[in-house]
Structures are given as C-alpha cells and as structure tokens.
C-alpha cells in the first residue's frame, strides 16, 4: 500500500501541475515464495482471478481502492491469501471485458470466467488457455474494433 500511495501522490502532482484531469488503474501482485502467500492490491482495476492447484477459479476480493491520480491523499488497502505451488493468477485489463461485438455487446466477466472454467475442465495447458482465450475473444468481436487495450497475464507458481 505505501508503494502505491507514493506512485499515486507523484502521478497526482504531475497531473495537477499540468492541469490535466486523468487517472490510471493498476494491479500490484507480490508472491512470497517462502510463505506461499499472495499480496494483492488493485487501484481502480478489476480484481484478478486466482486458480487453485485443484483448478478452482475464484475472483480475489480485493478492496475497492480509488484509481491513481484522483486524490493525492488516497489510502490503499491490499489483501493477503494463500498461493500454494501450482496456483495460477490471471491479471487483465478492462479492455478484455469491454471488448464488443458488432451488436455492441460486451464480452464481459461471465464469458471470460465461463471460458476459463471450461478450458480448465478440459485440462488445457496454460499456453492453450491463453491462445484459446484470445481466439474466443476474436471470434466474439468479429469485425468490431477494440476501443481499449486487451491485455492479460497468466502466471503459475511452480
């Protein structure tokens, strides 16, 4: 939290001096290998998804922190949870959820989570999960252009 607060104060100061009203979102995830703990904080960002070694998917219940740059004195809170060997973490930008098709429907959390659960039930490898996620998003979006970046990171603790 202190690291994020420091980044926030610096960004807010720069934006204020420049007379710009903008913000940034962020997720910070730190894995302590010795204790097999995950410390996670989101700032105006969607909560990451965690997949247990038994392939159980859950959304991390991160505190609802403000986005960066909105208030210089904002407080930030993090969570700490067990992250044993074999656990996976799925971090993503809002562009993944907000990608639309030609009917302007968003792909959304339901499609993302449903797709990930299906791929895990099928026993797909991490690479296959990433490739298939992008393929399904592309198939859904069709000729529609993304209005935001579509980025995700899928990491496993071995």
Protein backbone atom coordinates (compact mmCIF):
# COMPACT_ATOMS: atom_id res chain seq x y z
CA UNK A 1 0.00 0.00 0.00
CA UNK A 2 2.78 2.51 0.78
CA UNK A 3 4.39 1.91 -2.63
CA UNK A 4 1.05 2.51 -4.38
CA UNK A 5 0.34 5.62 -2.29
CA UNK A 6 3.74 7.02 -3.31
CA UNK A 7 3.05 6.39 -7.02
CA UNK A 8 -0.39 7.96 -6.60
CA UNK A 9 0.98 11.13 -4.97
CA UNK A 10 3.58 11.53 -7.71
CA UNK A 11 1.06 11.00 -10.51
CA UNK A 12 -1.49 13.32 -8.91
CA UNK A 13 1.17 16.02 -8.55
CA UNK A 14 2.21 15.74 -12.20
CA UNK A 15 -1.39 15.82 -13.41
CA UNK A 16 -2.26 18.77 -11.16
CA UNK A 17 0.74 20.83 -12.36
CA UNK A 18 -0.11 20.04 -15.98
CA UNK A 19 -3.78 20.94 -15.45
CA UNK A 20 -4.87 17.53 -16.68
CA UNK A 21 -7.75 15.52 -15.27
CA UNK A 22 -6.82 11.89 -15.88
CA UNK A 23 -6.26 8.74 -13.88
CA UNK A 24 -4.61 5.36 -14.16
CA UNK A 25 -5.62 1.95 -12.91
CA UNK A 26 -3.21 -0.61 -11.54
CA UNK A 27 -2.91 -4.04 -10.01
CA UNK A 28 0.05 -4.97 -7.84
CA UNK A 29 0.57 -8.65 -7.06
CA UNK A 30 3.53 -9.86 -4.99
CA UNK A 31 4.07 -13.56 -4.41
CA UNK A 32 6.13 -14.55 -1.37
CA UNK A 33 7.70 -17.82 -2.48
CA UNK A 34 8.85 -18.83 1.01
CA UNK A 35 5.45 -18.47 2.66
CA UNK A 36 3.37 -19.24 -0.47
CA UNK A 37 1.36 -16.05 0.10
CA UNK A 38 -0.02 -13.64 -2.46
CA UNK A 39 -0.33 -9.97 -1.55
CA UNK A 40 -2.55 -8.10 -3.98
CA UNK A 41 -3.84 -4.57 -4.39
CA UNK A 42 -5.98 -3.03 -7.10
CA UNK A 43 -6.38 0.68 -7.74
CA UNK A 44 -9.48 1.26 -9.84
CA UNK A 45 -8.86 -2.03 -11.59
CA UNK A 46 -10.77 -5.30 -11.90
CA UNK A 47 -9.81 -7.91 -9.32
CA UNK A 48 -7.53 -10.68 -10.59
CA UNK A 49 -8.71 -14.26 -10.89
CA UNK A 50 -6.91 -16.98 -8.95
CA UNK A 51 -6.94 -20.63 -9.93
CA UNK A 52 -6.05 -23.14 -7.23
CA UNK A 53 -3.87 -26.21 -7.89
CA UNK A 54 -7.19 -28.16 -7.96
CA UNK A 55 -8.40 -25.88 -10.83
CA UNK A 56 -10.90 -23.99 -8.66
CA UNK A 57 -11.33 -20.46 -10.05
CA UNK A 58 -12.14 -17.52 -7.80
CA UNK A 59 -12.14 -13.75 -8.09
CA UNK A 60 -9.87 -12.24 -5.46
CA UNK A 61 -11.85 -9.98 -3.15
CA UNK A 62 -9.53 -7.01 -3.30
CA UNK A 63 -10.55 -3.81 -1.50
CA UNK A 64 -12.18 -1.17 -3.72
CA UNK A 65 -9.35 1.36 -3.94
CA UNK A 66 -9.51 4.57 -5.98
CA UNK A 67 -7.75 4.79 -9.32
CA UNK A 68 -4.34 6.52 -9.26
CA UNK A 69 -4.14 10.27 -9.74
CA UNK A 70 -7.60 11.19 -8.44
CA UNK A 71 -6.72 12.19 -4.87
CA UNK A 72 -3.21 12.80 -3.56
CA UNK A 73 -4.03 11.57 -0.05
CA UNK A 74 -5.94 8.42 -1.06
CA UNK A 75 -5.40 5.34 1.12
CA UNK A 76 -4.83 1.94 -0.44
CA UNK A 77 -5.53 -1.46 1.09
CA UNK A 78 -4.32 -4.88 -0.01
CA UNK A 79 -5.28 -8.48 0.66
CA UNK A 80 -3.11 -11.43 1.53
CA UNK A 81 -4.09 -15.01 0.74
CA UNK A 82 -2.61 -18.45 0.36
CA UNK A 83 -0.95 -19.09 -3.01
CA UNK A 84 0.49 -22.63 -2.94
CA UNK A 85 2.63 -24.20 -5.64
CA UNK A 86 0.52 -24.96 -8.71
CA UNK A 87 -1.67 -21.87 -8.21
CA UNK A 88 -2.23 -19.56 -11.17
CA UNK A 89 -3.04 -15.87 -11.35
CA UNK A 90 -4.95 -14.25 -14.22
CA UNK A 91 -4.49 -10.46 -14.40
CA UNK A 92 -6.22 -8.48 -17.14
CA UNK A 93 -7.13 -5.01 -18.33
CA UNK A 94 -10.71 -3.80 -18.59
CA UNK A 95 -10.39 -3.88 -22.36
CA UNK A 96 -10.67 -7.67 -22.20
CA UNK A 97 -14.09 -7.46 -20.55
CA UNK A 98 -15.28 -4.42 -22.50
CA UNK A 99 -14.45 -5.77 -25.96
CA UNK A 100 -17.65 -5.65 -28.03
CA UNK A 101 -19.10 -7.47 -30.99
CA UNK A 102 -20.86 -5.81 -33.93
CA UNK A 103 -24.10 -5.71 -31.87
CA UNK A 104 -22.21 -3.66 -29.22
CA UNK A 105 -22.49 -6.47 -26.62
CA UNK A 106 -19.51 -6.68 -24.26
CA UNK A 107 -17.61 -9.94 -23.87
CA UNK A 108 -17.82 -9.41 -20.11
CA UNK A 109 -16.75 -11.23 -16.98
CA UNK A 110 -19.31 -14.02 -17.47
CA UNK A 111 -17.85 -15.07 -20.81
CA UNK A 112 -14.28 -14.79 -19.53
CA UNK A 113 -14.92 -16.84 -16.38
CA UNK A 114 -17.06 -19.37 -18.24
CA UNK A 115 -14.38 -19.83 -20.87
CA UNK A 116 -11.59 -20.23 -18.30
CA UNK A 117 -13.61 -22.78 -16.30
CA UNK A 118 -14.37 -24.79 -19.44
CA UNK A 119 -10.73 -24.80 -20.52
CA UNK A 120 -9.59 -25.93 -17.08
CA UNK A 121 -12.18 -28.74 -17.03
CA UNK A 122 -10.77 -29.87 -20.37
CA UNK A 123 -7.30 -29.97 -18.81
CA UNK A 124 -5.82 -27.44 -21.24
CA UNK A 125 -2.24 -26.25 -20.76
CA UNK A 126 -1.51 -22.68 -19.70
CA UNK A 127 -0.42 -21.83 -23.26
CA UNK A 128 -3.61 -23.32 -24.69
CA UNK A 129 -5.70 -21.35 -22.20
CA UNK A 130 -4.06 -18.09 -23.30
CA UNK A 131 -4.29 -18.87 -27.01
CA UNK A 132 -7.91 -20.05 -26.78
CA UNK A 133 -8.92 -17.03 -24.70
CA UNK A 134 -7.60 -14.70 -27.42
CA UNK A 135 -9.22 -16.81 -30.16
CA UNK A 136 -12.61 -16.79 -28.42
CA UNK A 137 -12.40 -13.05 -27.88
CA UNK A 138 -11.51 -12.53 -31.53
CA UNK A 139 -14.36 -14.80 -32.66
CA UNK A 140 -16.78 -12.90 -30.41
CA UNK A 141 -15.61 -9.46 -31.55
CA UNK A 142 -15.63 -10.31 -35.24
CA UNK A 143 -15.01 -7.19 -37.30
CA UNK A 144 -15.63 -4.88 -34.33
CA UNK A 145 -12.61 -2.78 -33.35
CA UNK A 146 -11.45 -2.77 -29.73
CA UNK A 147 -11.93 0.61 -28.02
CA UNK A 148 -9.31 -0.16 -25.36
CA UNK A 149 -6.24 -2.31 -24.95
CA UNK A 150 -6.77 -6.04 -24.47
CA UNK A 151 -4.03 -7.33 -22.21
CA UNK A 152 -3.74 -10.21 -19.79
CA UNK A 153 -1.05 -12.03 -17.86
CA UNK A 154 -1.42 -15.65 -16.80
CA UNK A 155 1.19 -16.76 -14.25
CA UNK A 156 1.73 -20.06 -12.43
CA UNK A 157 3.71 -20.70 -9.26
CA UNK A 158 5.66 -23.89 -9.93
